[in-house]
């Protein structure tokens, strides 16, 4: 997502077409650019995105959630959009999430680095 965001993945003549596929219209005063792409399987929900806010900060995020049964897949997908929106627009929430997901070398189930 970083390479797409920075327009470094493909030749410059192709970038506008690639952005048409992943970029979304932004009707928000806090973000000026937003693009996302999913690629989920039946047991893993995936979502990757990039955005630029009004202050010029750039973000790229990828999330992978394992759901072996697939039962929570639809519910998770709906909530993921809300989670990402709040994460990208609310600095207090960003700090809270960061503190909760801080990498702990002693845990085998934590992949945040």
PDB file of N, CA and C in Angstrom:
ATOM      1  N   UNK A   1       0.831  -1.192   0.000  1.00  0.00           N
ATOM      2  CA  UNK A   1       0.000   0.000   0.000  1.00  0.00           C
ATOM      3  C   UNK A   1       0.872   1.252   0.000  1.00  0.00           C
ATOM      4  N   UNK A   2       2.014   1.168   0.658  1.00  0.00           N
ATOM      5  CA  UNK A   2       2.900   2.333   0.677  1.00  0.00           C
ATOM      6  C   UNK A   2       3.368   2.685  -0.733  1.00  0.00           C
ATOM      7  N   UNK A   3       3.714   1.668  -1.528  1.00  0.00           N
ATOM      8  CA  UNK A   3       4.170   1.923  -2.892  1.00  0.00           C
ATOM      9  C   UNK A   3       3.061   2.495  -3.765  1.00  0.00           C
ATOM     10  N   UNK A   4       1.833   2.030  -3.567  1.00  0.00           N
ATOM     11  CA  UNK A   4       0.703   2.596  -4.302  1.00  0.00           C
ATOM     12  C   UNK A   4       0.469   4.030  -3.857  1.00  0.00           C
ATOM     13  N   UNK A   5       0.494   4.251  -2.546  1.00  0.00           N
ATOM     14  CA  UNK A   5       0.274   5.577  -1.974  1.00  0.00           C
ATOM     15  C   UNK A   5       1.308   6.574  -2.499  1.00  0.00           C
ATOM     16  N   UNK A   6       2.561   6.158  -2.563  1.00  0.00           N
ATOM     17  CA  UNK A   6       3.649   7.038  -3.012  1.00  0.00           C
ATOM     18  C   UNK A   6       3.809   7.042  -4.536  1.00  0.00           C
ATOM     19  N   UNK A   7       2.956   6.265  -5.224  1.00  0.00           N
ATOM     20  CA  UNK A   7       2.996   6.140  -6.687  1.00  0.00           C
ATOM     21  C   UNK A   7       4.345   5.631  -7.171  1.00  0.00           C
ATOM     22  N   UNK A   8       4.861   4.590  -6.486  1.00  0.00           N
ATOM     23  CA  UNK A   8       6.150   4.005  -6.829  1.00  0.00           C
ATOM     24  C   UNK A   8       6.039   2.541  -7.252  1.00  0.00           C
ATOM     25  N   UNK A   9       4.839   1.999  -7.331  1.00  0.00           N
ATOM     26  CA  UNK A   9       4.671   0.579  -7.645  1.00  0.00           C
ATOM     27  C   UNK A   9       4.749   0.299  -9.137  1.00  0.00           C
ATOM     28  N   UNK A  10       4.155   1.172  -9.915  1.00  0.00           N
ATOM     29  CA  UNK A  10       4.078   0.982 -11.360  1.00  0.00           C
ATOM     30  C   UNK A  10       4.569   2.243 -12.058  1.00  0.00           C
ATOM     31  N   UNK A  11       4.831   2.169 -13.366  1.00  0.00           N
ATOM     32  CA  UNK A  11       5.236   3.382 -14.098  1.00  0.00           C
ATOM     33  C   UNK A  11       4.207   4.507 -13.945  1.00  0.00           C
ATOM     34  N   UNK A  12       4.667   5.733 -13.988  1.00  0.00           N
ATOM     35  CA  UNK A  12       3.799   6.892 -13.735  1.00  0.00           C
ATOM     36  C   UNK A  12       2.590   6.942 -14.669  1.00  0.00           C
ATOM     37  N   UNK A  13       2.710   6.427 -15.875  1.00  0.00           N
ATOM     38  CA  UNK A  13       1.569   6.449 -16.804  1.00  0.00           C
ATOM     39  C   UNK A  13       0.444   5.512 -16.356  1.00  0.00           C
ATOM     40  N   UNK A  14       0.754   4.537 -15.495  1.00  0.00           N
ATOM     41  CA  UNK A  14      -0.244   3.565 -15.032  1.00  0.00           C
ATOM     42  C   UNK A  14      -0.847   3.962 -13.684  1.00  0.00           C
ATOM     43  N   UNK A  15      -0.169   4.809 -12.922  1.00  0.00           N
ATOM     44  CA  UNK A  15      -0.644   5.197 -11.589  1.00  0.00           C
ATOM     45  C   UNK A  15      -2.092   5.685 -11.549  1.00  0.00           C
ATOM     46  N   UNK A  16      -2.526   6.528 -12.473  1.00  0.00           N
ATOM     47  CA  UNK A  16      -3.925   6.980 -12.408  1.00  0.00           C
ATOM     48  C   UNK A  16      -4.939   5.831 -12.488  1.00  0.00           C
ATOM     49  N   UNK A  17      -4.623   4.808 -13.275  1.00  0.00           N
ATOM     50  CA  UNK A  17      -5.525   3.658 -13.414  1.00  0.00           C
ATOM     51  C   UNK A  17      -5.529   2.806 -12.151  1.00  0.00           C
ATOM     52  N   UNK A  18      -4.365   2.631 -11.565  1.00  0.00           N
ATOM     53  CA  UNK A  18      -4.268   1.864 -10.320  1.00  0.00           C
ATOM     54  C   UNK A  18      -5.030   2.578  -9.202  1.00  0.00           C
ATOM     55  N   UNK A  19      -4.868   3.887  -9.126  1.00  0.00           N
ATOM     56  CA  UNK A  19      -5.563   4.648  -8.084  1.00  0.00           C
ATOM     57  C   UNK A  19      -7.079   4.612  -8.288  1.00  0.00           C
ATOM     58  N   UNK A  20      -7.536   4.526  -9.542  1.00  0.00           N
ATOM     59  CA  UNK A  20      -8.974   4.394  -9.790  1.00  0.00           C
ATOM     60  C   UNK A  20      -9.533   3.126  -9.151  1.00  0.00           C
ATOM     61  N   UNK A  21      -8.724   2.091  -9.083  1.00  0.00           N
ATOM     62  CA  UNK A  21      -9.161   0.815  -8.515  1.00  0.00           C
ATOM     63  C   UNK A  21      -9.223   0.825  -6.994  1.00  0.00           C
ATOM     64  N   UNK A  22      -8.320   1.526  -6.343  1.00  0.00           N
ATOM     65  CA  UNK A  22      -8.236   1.435  -4.883  1.00  0.00           C
ATOM     66  C   UNK A  22      -8.642   2.711  -4.149  1.00  0.00           C
ATOM     67  N   UNK A  23      -8.570   3.845  -4.801  1.00  0.00           N
ATOM     68  CA  UNK A  23      -8.843   5.095  -4.106  1.00  0.00           C
ATOM     69  C   UNK A  23     -10.334   5.364  -4.008  1.00  0.00           C
ATOM     70  N   UNK A  24     -10.747   5.902  -2.880  1.00  0.00           N
ATOM     71  CA  UNK A  24     -12.145   6.226  -2.614  1.00  0.00           C
ATOM     72  C   UNK A  24     -12.309   7.742  -2.499  1.00  0.00           C
ATOM     73  N   UNK A  25     -13.506   8.206  -2.824  1.00  0.00           N
ATOM     74  CA  UNK A  25     -13.809   9.619  -2.662  1.00  0.00           C
ATOM     75  C   UNK A  25     -13.855   9.936  -1.180  1.00  0.00           C
ATOM     76  N   UNK A  26     -13.258  11.050  -0.802  1.00  0.00           N
ATOM     77  CA  UNK A  26     -13.192  11.432   0.604  1.00  0.00           C
ATOM     78  C   UNK A  26     -14.126  12.607   0.840  1.00  0.00           C
ATOM     79  N   UNK A  27     -15.147  12.381   1.631  1.00  0.00           N
ATOM     80  CA  UNK A  27     -16.073  13.448   2.031  1.00  0.00           C
ATOM     81  C   UNK A  27     -15.867  13.709   3.520  1.00  0.00           C
ATOM     82  N   UNK A  28     -14.682  14.125   3.855  1.00  0.00           N
ATOM     83  CA  UNK A  28     -14.309  14.257   5.249  1.00  0.00           C
ATOM     84  C   UNK A  28     -13.337  15.410   5.381  1.00  0.00           C
ATOM     85  N   UNK A  29     -13.483  16.178   6.405  1.00  0.00           N
ATOM     86  CA  UNK A  29     -12.604  17.324   6.582  1.00  0.00           C
ATOM     87  C   UNK A  29     -11.224  16.938   7.102  1.00  0.00           C
ATOM     88  N   UNK A  30     -11.046  15.706   7.609  1.00  0.00           N
ATOM     89  CA  UNK A  30      -9.760  15.311   8.182  1.00  0.00           C
ATOM     90  C   UNK A  30      -8.850  14.580   7.197  1.00  0.00           C
ATOM     91  N   UNK A  31      -9.412  13.959   6.178  1.00  0.00           N
ATOM     92  CA  UNK A  31      -8.618  13.206   5.216  1.00  0.00           C
ATOM     93  C   UNK A  31      -8.714  13.837   3.841  1.00  0.00           C
ATOM     94  N   UNK A  32      -7.599  13.822   3.093  1.00  0.00           N
ATOM     95  CA  UNK A  32      -7.631  14.334   1.723  1.00  0.00           C
ATOM     96  C   UNK A  32      -7.451  13.223   0.699  1.00  0.00           C
ATOM     97  N   UNK A  33      -6.975  12.052   1.143  1.00  0.00           N
ATOM     98  CA  UNK A  33      -6.775  10.928   0.232  1.00  0.00           C
ATOM     99  C   UNK A  33      -6.981   9.635   1.014  1.00  0.00           C
ATOM    100  N   UNK A  34      -7.676   8.683   0.390  1.00  0.00           N
ATOM    101  CA  UNK A  34      -7.932   7.400   1.040  1.00  0.00           C
ATOM    102  C   UNK A  34      -8.058   6.312  -0.011  1.00  0.00           C
ATOM    103  N   UNK A  35      -7.336   5.220   0.182  1.00  0.00           N
ATOM    104  CA  UNK A  35      -7.439   4.066  -0.703  1.00  0.00           C
ATOM    105  C   UNK A  35      -7.404   2.794   0.112  1.00  0.00           C
ATOM    106  N   UNK A  36      -8.119   1.775  -0.342  1.00  0.00           N
ATOM    107  CA  UNK A  36      -8.100   0.512   0.395  1.00  0.00           C
ATOM    108  C   UNK A  36      -8.301  -0.672  -0.538  1.00  0.00           C
ATOM    109  N   UNK A  37      -7.901  -1.839  -0.037  1.00  0.00           N
ATOM    110  CA  UNK A  37      -8.036  -3.079  -0.794  1.00  0.00           C
ATOM    111  C   UNK A  37      -8.152  -4.224   0.188  1.00  0.00           C
ATOM    112  N   UNK A  38      -9.126  -5.077  -0.038  1.00  0.00           N
ATOM    113  CA  UNK A  38      -9.264  -6.288   0.755  1.00  0.00           C
ATOM    114  C   UNK A  38      -8.797  -7.475  -0.064  1.00  0.00           C
ATOM    115  N   UNK A  39      -8.723  -8.614   0.567  1.00  0.00           N
ATOM    116  CA  UNK A  39      -8.305  -9.825  -0.126  1.00  0.00           C
ATOM    117  C   UNK A  39      -8.555 -11.027   0.750  1.00  0.00           C
ATOM    118  N   UNK A  40      -9.681 -11.033   1.403  1.00  0.00           N
ATOM    119  CA  UNK A  40      -9.997 -12.039   2.406  1.00  0.00           C
ATOM    120  C   UNK A  40     -10.188 -13.431   1.826  1.00  0.00           C
ATOM    121  N   UNK A  41      -9.946 -14.425   2.676  1.00  0.00           N
ATOM    122  CA  UNK A  41     -10.276 -15.807   2.370  1.00  0.00           C
ATOM    123  C   UNK A  41     -11.418 -16.200   3.302  1.00  0.00           C
ATOM    124  N   UNK A  42     -11.837 -17.446   3.268  1.00  0.00           N
ATOM    125  CA  UNK A  42     -12.940 -17.865   4.140  1.00  0.00           C
ATOM    126  C   UNK A  42     -12.550 -17.853   5.613  1.00  0.00           C
ATOM    127  N   UNK A  43     -11.258 -17.941   5.923  1.00  0.00           N
ATOM    128  CA  UNK A  43     -10.866 -17.983   7.336  1.00  0.00           C
ATOM    129  C   UNK A  43      -9.995 -16.813   7.787  1.00  0.00           C
ATOM    130  N   UNK A  44      -9.592 -15.947   6.861  1.00  0.00           N
ATOM    131  CA  UNK A  44      -8.771 -14.789   7.241  1.00  0.00           C
ATOM    132  C   UNK A  44      -9.339 -13.540   6.587  1.00  0.00           C
ATOM    133  N   UNK A  45      -9.707 -12.577   7.418  1.00  0.00           N
ATOM    134  CA  UNK A  45     -10.193 -11.282   6.946  1.00  0.00           C
ATOM    135  C   UNK A  45      -8.985 -10.372   6.778  1.00  0.00           C
ATOM    136  N   UNK A  46      -8.817  -9.810   5.595  1.00  0.00           N
ATOM    137  CA  UNK A  46      -7.685  -8.911   5.354  1.00  0.00           C
ATOM    138  C   UNK A  46      -8.178  -7.580   4.823  1.00  0.00           C
ATOM    139  N   UNK A  47      -7.479  -6.548   5.207  1.00  0.00           N
ATOM    140  CA  UNK A  47      -7.771  -5.206   4.717  1.00  0.00           C
ATOM    141  C   UNK A  47      -6.482  -4.400   4.776  1.00  0.00           C
ATOM    142  N   UNK A  48      -6.174  -3.714   3.697  1.00  0.00           N
ATOM    143  CA  UNK A  48      -5.013  -2.833   3.657  1.00  0.00           C
ATOM    144  C   UNK A  48      -5.484  -1.476   3.154  1.00  0.00           C
ATOM    145  N   UNK A  49      -4.900  -0.421   3.690  1.00  0.00           N
ATOM    146  CA  UNK A  49      -5.322   0.914   3.284  1.00  0.00           C
ATOM    147  C   UNK A  49      -4.200   1.916   3.407  1.00  0.00           C
ATOM    148  N   UNK A  50      -4.401   3.037   2.761  1.00  0.00           N
ATOM    149  CA  UNK A  50      -3.507   4.182   2.904  1.00  0.00           C
ATOM    150  C   UNK A  50      -4.358   5.430   2.958  1.00  0.00           C
ATOM    151  N   UNK A  51      -3.814   6.488   3.557  1.00  0.00           N
ATOM    152  CA  UNK A  51      -4.500   7.774   3.541  1.00  0.00           C
ATOM    153  C   UNK A  51      -3.516   8.890   3.845  1.00  0.00           C
ATOM    154  N   UNK A  52      -3.938  10.094   3.513  1.00  0.00           N
ATOM    155  CA  UNK A  52      -3.206  11.306   3.854  1.00  0.00           C
ATOM    156  C   UNK A  52      -4.203  12.226   4.538  1.00  0.00           C
ATOM    157  N   UNK A  53      -3.815  12.783   5.693  1.00  0.00           N
ATOM    158  CA  UNK A  53      -4.713  13.697   6.385  1.00  0.00           C
ATOM    159  C   UNK A  53      -4.392  15.144   5.997  1.00  0.00           C
ATOM    160  N   UNK A  54      -5.186  16.067   6.489  1.00  0.00           N
ATOM    161  CA  UNK A  54      -5.043  17.491   6.138  1.00  0.00           C
ATOM    162  C   UNK A  54      -3.711  18.086   6.580  1.00  0.00           C
ATOM    163  N   UNK A  55      -3.086  17.482   7.584  1.00  0.00           N
ATOM    164  CA  UNK A  55      -1.787  17.972   8.057  1.00  0.00           C
ATOM    165  C   UNK A  55      -0.633  17.401   7.238  1.00  0.00           C
ATOM    166  N   UNK A  56      -0.931  16.521   6.279  1.00  0.00           N
ATOM    167  CA  UNK A  56       0.094  15.925   5.445  1.00  0.00           C
ATOM    168  C   UNK A  56       0.657  14.617   5.976  1.00  0.00           C
ATOM    169  N   UNK A  57       0.116  14.135   7.093  1.00  0.00           N
ATOM    170  CA  UNK A  57       0.552  12.851   7.631  1.00  0.00           C
ATOM    171  C   UNK A  57       0.050  11.738   6.732  1.00  0.00           C
ATOM    172  N   UNK A  58       0.919  10.773   6.472  1.00  0.00           N
ATOM    173  CA  UNK A  58       0.560   9.637   5.631  1.00  0.00           C
ATOM    174  C   UNK A  58       0.529   8.372   6.470  1.00  0.00           C
ATOM    175  N   UNK A  59      -0.473   7.544   6.227  1.00  0.00           N
ATOM    176  CA  UNK A  59      -0.643   6.291   6.958  1.00  0.00           C
ATOM    177  C   UNK A  59      -0.828   5.154   5.970  1.00  0.00           C
ATOM    178  N   UNK A  60      -0.240   4.011   6.289  1.00  0.00           N
ATOM    179  CA  UNK A  60      -0.510   2.774   5.572  1.00  0.00           C
ATOM    180  C   UNK A  60      -0.726   1.715   6.647  1.00  0.00           C
ATOM    181  N   UNK A  61      -1.807   0.968   6.522  1.00  0.00           N
ATOM    182  CA  UNK A  61      -2.165  -0.024   7.529  1.00  0.00           C
ATOM    183  C   UNK A  61      -2.598  -1.305   6.822  1.00  0.00           C
ATOM    184  N   UNK A  62      -2.185  -2.433   7.372  1.00  0.00           N
ATOM    185  CA  UNK A  62      -2.677  -3.733   6.901  1.00  0.00           C
ATOM    186  C   UNK A  62      -3.107  -4.524   8.130  1.00  0.00           C
ATOM    187  N   UNK A  63      -4.261  -5.169   8.033  1.00  0.00           N
ATOM    188  CA  UNK A  63      -4.771  -5.945   9.157  1.00  0.00           C
ATOM    189  C   UNK A  63      -5.211  -7.307   8.652  1.00  0.00           C
ATOM    190  N   UNK A  64      -4.857  -8.332   9.428  1.00  0.00           N
ATOM    191  CA  UNK A  64      -5.219  -9.713   9.108  1.00  0.00           C
ATOM    192  C   UNK A  64      -5.852 -10.311  10.355  1.00  0.00           C
ATOM    193  N   UNK A  65      -7.090 -10.753  10.238  1.00  0.00           N
ATOM    194  CA  UNK A  65      -7.807 -11.329  11.375  1.00  0.00           C
ATOM    195  C   UNK A  65      -8.201 -12.754  11.026  1.00  0.00           C
ATOM    196  N   UNK A  66      -7.707 -13.681  11.825  1.00  0.00           N
ATOM    197  CA  UNK A  66      -8.026 -15.093  11.583  1.00  0.00           C
ATOM    198  C   UNK A  66      -9.360 -15.428  12.236  1.00  0.00           C
ATOM    199  N   UNK A  67     -10.245 -15.999  11.441  1.00  0.00           N
ATOM    200  CA  UNK A  67     -11.580 -16.423  11.880  1.00  0.00           C
ATOM    201  C   UNK A  67     -11.817 -17.797  11.270  1.00  0.00           C
ATOM    202  N   UNK A  68     -11.286 -18.830  11.930  1.00  0.00           N
ATOM    203  CA  UNK A  68     -11.316 -20.195  11.383  1.00  0.00           C
ATOM    204  C   UNK A  68     -12.706 -20.643  10.941  1.00  0.00           C
ATOM    205  N   UNK A  69     -13.707 -20.324  11.744  1.00  0.00           N
ATOM    206  CA  UNK A  69     -15.056 -20.793  11.425  1.00  0.00           C
ATOM    207  C   UNK A  69     -15.726 -19.949  10.342  1.00  0.00           C
ATOM    208  N   UNK A  70     -15.299 -18.709  10.185  1.00  0.00           N
ATOM    209  CA  UNK A  70     -15.920 -17.809   9.220  1.00  0.00           C
ATOM    210  C   UNK A  70     -17.237 -17.218   9.701  1.00  0.00           C
ATOM    211  N   UNK A  71     -17.649 -17.583  10.905  1.00  0.00           N
ATOM    212  CA  UNK A  71     -18.930 -17.135  11.450  1.00  0.00           C
ATOM    213  C   UNK A  71     -18.956 -15.621  11.663  1.00  0.00           C
ATOM    214  N   UNK A  72     -17.863 -15.055  12.124  1.00  0.00           N
ATOM    215  CA  UNK A  72     -17.831 -13.633  12.458  1.00  0.00           C
ATOM    216  C   UNK A  72     -17.356 -12.760  11.301  1.00  0.00           C
ATOM    217  N   UNK A  73     -17.121 -13.344  10.161  1.00  0.00           N
ATOM    218  CA  UNK A  73     -16.529 -12.654   9.033  1.00  0.00           C
ATOM    219  C   UNK A  73     -17.318 -11.407   8.605  1.00  0.00           C
ATOM    220  N   UNK A  74     -18.607 -11.545   8.398  1.00  0.00           N
ATOM    221  CA  UNK A  74     -19.434 -10.423   7.939  1.00  0.00           C
ATOM    222  C   UNK A  74     -19.486  -9.329   8.996  1.00  0.00           C
ATOM    223  N   UNK A  75     -19.688  -9.708  10.249  1.00  0.00           N
ATOM    224  CA  UNK A  75     -19.737  -8.737  11.339  1.00  0.00           C
ATOM    225  C   UNK A  75     -18.409  -8.001  11.461  1.00  0.00           C
ATOM    226  N   UNK A  76     -17.293  -8.747  11.388  1.00  0.00           N
ATOM    227  CA  UNK A  76     -15.974  -8.129  11.485  1.00  0.00           C
ATOM    228  C   UNK A  76     -15.733  -7.140  10.355  1.00  0.00           C
ATOM    229  N   UNK A  77     -16.110  -7.489   9.143  1.00  0.00           N
ATOM    230  CA  UNK A  77     -15.904  -6.613   7.991  1.00  0.00           C
ATOM    231  C   UNK A  77     -16.629  -5.286   8.181  1.00  0.00           C
ATOM    232  N   UNK A  78     -17.856  -5.337   8.677  1.00  0.00           N
ATOM    233  CA  UNK A  78     -18.610  -4.106   8.923  1.00  0.00           C
ATOM    234  C   UNK A  78     -17.950  -3.263  10.008  1.00  0.00           C
ATOM    235  N   UNK A  79     -17.484  -3.885  11.047  1.00  0.00           N
ATOM    236  CA  UNK A  79     -16.867  -3.155  12.164  1.00  0.00           C
ATOM    237  C   UNK A  79     -15.478  -2.649  11.809  1.00  0.00           C
ATOM    238  N   UNK A  80     -14.788  -3.335  10.905  1.00  0.00           N
ATOM    239  CA  UNK A  80     -13.448  -2.934  10.512  1.00  0.00           C
ATOM    240  C   UNK A  80     -13.444  -1.551   9.877  1.00  0.00           C
ATOM    241  N   UNK A  81     -14.430  -1.253   9.056  1.00  0.00           N
ATOM    242  CA  UNK A  81     -14.521   0.076   8.444  1.00  0.00           C
ATOM    243  C   UNK A  81     -14.655   1.163   9.516  1.00  0.00           C
ATOM    244  N   UNK A  82     -15.496   0.917  10.504  1.00  0.00           N
ATOM    245  CA  UNK A  82     -15.662   1.880  11.592  1.00  0.00           C
ATOM    246  C   UNK A  82     -14.374   2.025  12.400  1.00  0.00           C
ATOM    247  N   UNK A  83     -13.710   0.893  12.664  1.00  0.00           N
ATOM    248  CA  UNK A  83     -12.461   0.902  13.402  1.00  0.00           C
ATOM    249  C   UNK A  83     -11.404   1.734  12.671  1.00  0.00           C
ATOM    250  N   UNK A  84     -11.223   1.487  11.374  1.00  0.00           N
ATOM    251  CA  UNK A  84     -10.226   2.227  10.610  1.00  0.00           C
ATOM    252  C   UNK A  84     -10.542   3.715  10.568  1.00  0.00           C
ATOM    253  N   UNK A  85     -11.802   4.070  10.379  1.00  0.00           N
ATOM    254  CA  UNK A  85     -12.171   5.483  10.332  1.00  0.00           C
ATOM    255  C   UNK A  85     -11.803   6.174  11.638  1.00  0.00           C
ATOM    256  N   UNK A  86     -12.159   5.555  12.751  1.00  0.00           N
ATOM    257  CA  UNK A  86     -11.850   6.157  14.043  1.00  0.00           C
ATOM    258  C   UNK A  86     -10.338   6.202  14.273  1.00  0.00           C
ATOM    259  N   UNK A  87      -9.640   5.151  13.878  1.00  0.00           N
ATOM    260  CA  UNK A  87      -8.191   5.103  14.047  1.00  0.00           C
ATOM    261  C   UNK A  87      -7.506   6.219  13.256  1.00  0.00           C
ATOM    262  N   UNK A  88      -8.013   6.523  12.088  1.00  0.00           N
ATOM    263  CA  UNK A  88      -7.382   7.522  11.230  1.00  0.00           C
ATOM    264  C   UNK A  88      -7.771   8.950  11.561  1.00  0.00           C
ATOM    265  N   UNK A  89      -8.847   9.151  12.307  1.00  0.00           N
ATOM    266  CA  UNK A  89      -9.325  10.512  12.543  1.00  0.00           C
ATOM    267  C   UNK A  89      -9.345  10.939  14.010  1.00  0.00           C
ATOM    268  N   UNK A  90      -9.070  10.047  14.931  1.00  0.00           N
ATOM    269  CA  UNK A  90      -9.171  10.350  16.368  1.00  0.00           C
ATOM    270  C   UNK A  90      -7.833  10.063  17.041  1.00  0.00           C
ATOM    271  N   UNK A  91      -7.091  11.118  17.389  1.00  0.00           N
ATOM    272  CA  UNK A  91      -5.749  10.934  17.950  1.00  0.00           C
ATOM    273  C   UNK A  91      -5.766  10.238  19.311  1.00  0.00           C
ATOM    274  N   UNK A  92      -6.768  10.469  20.122  1.00  0.00           N
ATOM    275  CA  UNK A  92      -6.851   9.765  21.409  1.00  0.00           C
ATOM    276  C   UNK A  92      -7.033   8.267  21.184  1.00  0.00           C
ATOM    277  N   UNK A  93      -7.867   7.904  20.226  1.00  0.00           N
ATOM    278  CA  UNK A  93      -8.083   6.503  19.911  1.00  0.00           C
ATOM    279  C   UNK A  93      -6.801   5.879  19.344  1.00  0.00           C
ATOM    280  N   UNK A  94      -6.062   6.621  18.519  1.00  0.00           N
ATOM    281  CA  UNK A  94      -4.787   6.137  17.988  1.00  0.00           C
ATOM    282  C   UNK A  94      -3.841   5.767  19.124  1.00  0.00           C
ATOM    283  N   UNK A  95      -3.752   6.634  20.119  1.00  0.00           N
ATOM    284  CA  UNK A  95      -2.871   6.375  21.255  1.00  0.00           C
ATOM    285  C   UNK A  95      -3.331   5.156  22.051  1.00  0.00           C
ATOM    286  N   UNK A  96      -4.640   5.020  22.237  1.00  0.00           N
ATOM    287  CA  UNK A  96      -5.181   3.874  22.969  1.00  0.00           C
ATOM    288  C   UNK A  96      -4.880   2.566  22.241  1.00  0.00           C
ATOM    289  N   UNK A  97      -5.110   2.548  20.935  1.00  0.00           N
ATOM    290  CA  UNK A  97      -4.845   1.347  20.145  1.00  0.00           C
ATOM    291  C   UNK A  97      -3.355   1.024  20.158  1.00  0.00           C
ATOM    292  N   UNK A  98      -2.538   2.039  20.002  1.00  0.00           N
ATOM    293  CA  UNK A  98      -1.093   1.823  20.003  1.00  0.00           C
ATOM    294  C   UNK A  98      -0.618   1.212  21.313  1.00  0.00           C
ATOM    295  N   UNK A  99      -1.157   1.700  22.433  1.00  0.00           N
ATOM    296  CA  UNK A  99      -0.735   1.154  23.726  1.00  0.00           C
ATOM    297  C   UNK A  99      -1.215  -0.280  23.913  1.00  0.00           C
ATOM    298  N   UNK A 100      -2.386  -0.610  23.388  1.00  0.00           N
ATOM    299  CA  UNK A 100      -2.918  -1.972  23.512  1.00  0.00           C
ATOM    300  C   UNK A 100      -2.180  -2.957  22.609  1.00  0.00           C
ATOM    301  N   UNK A 101      -1.717  -2.493  21.457  1.00  0.00           N
ATOM    302  CA  UNK A 101      -1.098  -3.383  20.480  1.00  0.00           C
ATOM    303  C   UNK A 101       0.425  -3.304  20.461  1.00  0.00           C
ATOM    304  N   UNK A 102       0.999  -2.680  21.446  1.00  0.00           N
ATOM    305  CA  UNK A 102       2.450  -2.581  21.494  1.00  0.00           C
ATOM    306  C   UNK A 102       3.067  -3.975  21.507  1.00  0.00           C
ATOM    307  N   UNK A 103       4.071  -4.143  20.695  1.00  0.00           N
ATOM    308  CA  UNK A 103       4.733  -5.434  20.548  1.00  0.00           C
ATOM    309  C   UNK A 103       5.353  -5.868  21.874  1.00  0.00           C
ATOM    310  N   UNK A 104       5.048  -7.088  22.275  1.00  0.00           N
ATOM    311  CA  UNK A 104       5.581  -7.669  23.507  1.00  0.00           C
ATOM    312  C   UNK A 104       6.327  -8.934  23.105  1.00  0.00           C
ATOM    313  N   UNK A 105       7.659  -8.903  23.218  1.00  0.00           N
ATOM    314  CA  UNK A 105       8.475 -10.040  22.781  1.00  0.00           C
ATOM    315  C   UNK A 105       8.152 -11.322  23.536  1.00  0.00           C
ATOM    316  N   UNK A 106       7.548 -11.223  24.696  1.00  0.00           N
ATOM    317  CA  UNK A 106       7.222 -12.403  25.482  1.00  0.00           C
ATOM    318  C   UNK A 106       5.964 -13.111  25.037  1.00  0.00           C
ATOM    319  N   UNK A 107       5.176 -12.472  24.152  1.00  0.00           N
ATOM    320  CA  UNK A 107       3.918 -13.076  23.695  1.00  0.00           C
ATOM    321  C   UNK A 107       4.113 -13.692  22.326  1.00  0.00           C
ATOM    322  N   UNK A 108       3.623 -14.881  22.148  1.00  0.00           N
ATOM    323  CA  UNK A 108       3.749 -15.559  20.850  1.00  0.00           C
ATOM    324  C   UNK A 108       2.607 -15.225  19.905  1.00  0.00           C
ATOM    325  N   UNK A 109       1.549 -14.577  20.409  1.00  0.00           N
ATOM    326  CA  UNK A 109       0.390 -14.297  19.556  1.00  0.00           C
ATOM    327  C   UNK A 109       0.326 -12.840  19.105  1.00  0.00           C
ATOM    328  N   UNK A 110       1.370 -12.074  19.315  1.00  0.00           N
ATOM    329  CA  UNK A 110       1.365 -10.659  18.973  1.00  0.00           C
ATOM    330  C   UNK A 110       2.297 -10.420  17.792  1.00  0.00           C
ATOM    331  N   UNK A 111       1.769  -9.833  16.714  1.00  0.00           N
ATOM    332  CA  UNK A 111       2.557  -9.632  15.515  1.00  0.00           C
ATOM    333  C   UNK A 111       2.768  -8.164  15.195  1.00  0.00           C
ATOM    334  N   UNK A 112       2.411  -7.257  16.105  1.00  0.00           N
ATOM    335  CA  UNK A 112       2.581  -5.835  15.873  1.00  0.00           C
ATOM    336  C   UNK A 112       4.028  -5.477  16.138  1.00  0.00           C
ATOM    337  N   UNK A 113       4.669  -4.852  15.167  1.00  0.00           N
ATOM    338  CA  UNK A 113       6.067  -4.447  15.334  1.00  0.00           C
ATOM    339  C   UNK A 113       6.243  -3.028  14.879  1.00  0.00           C
TER     340      UNK A 113
END
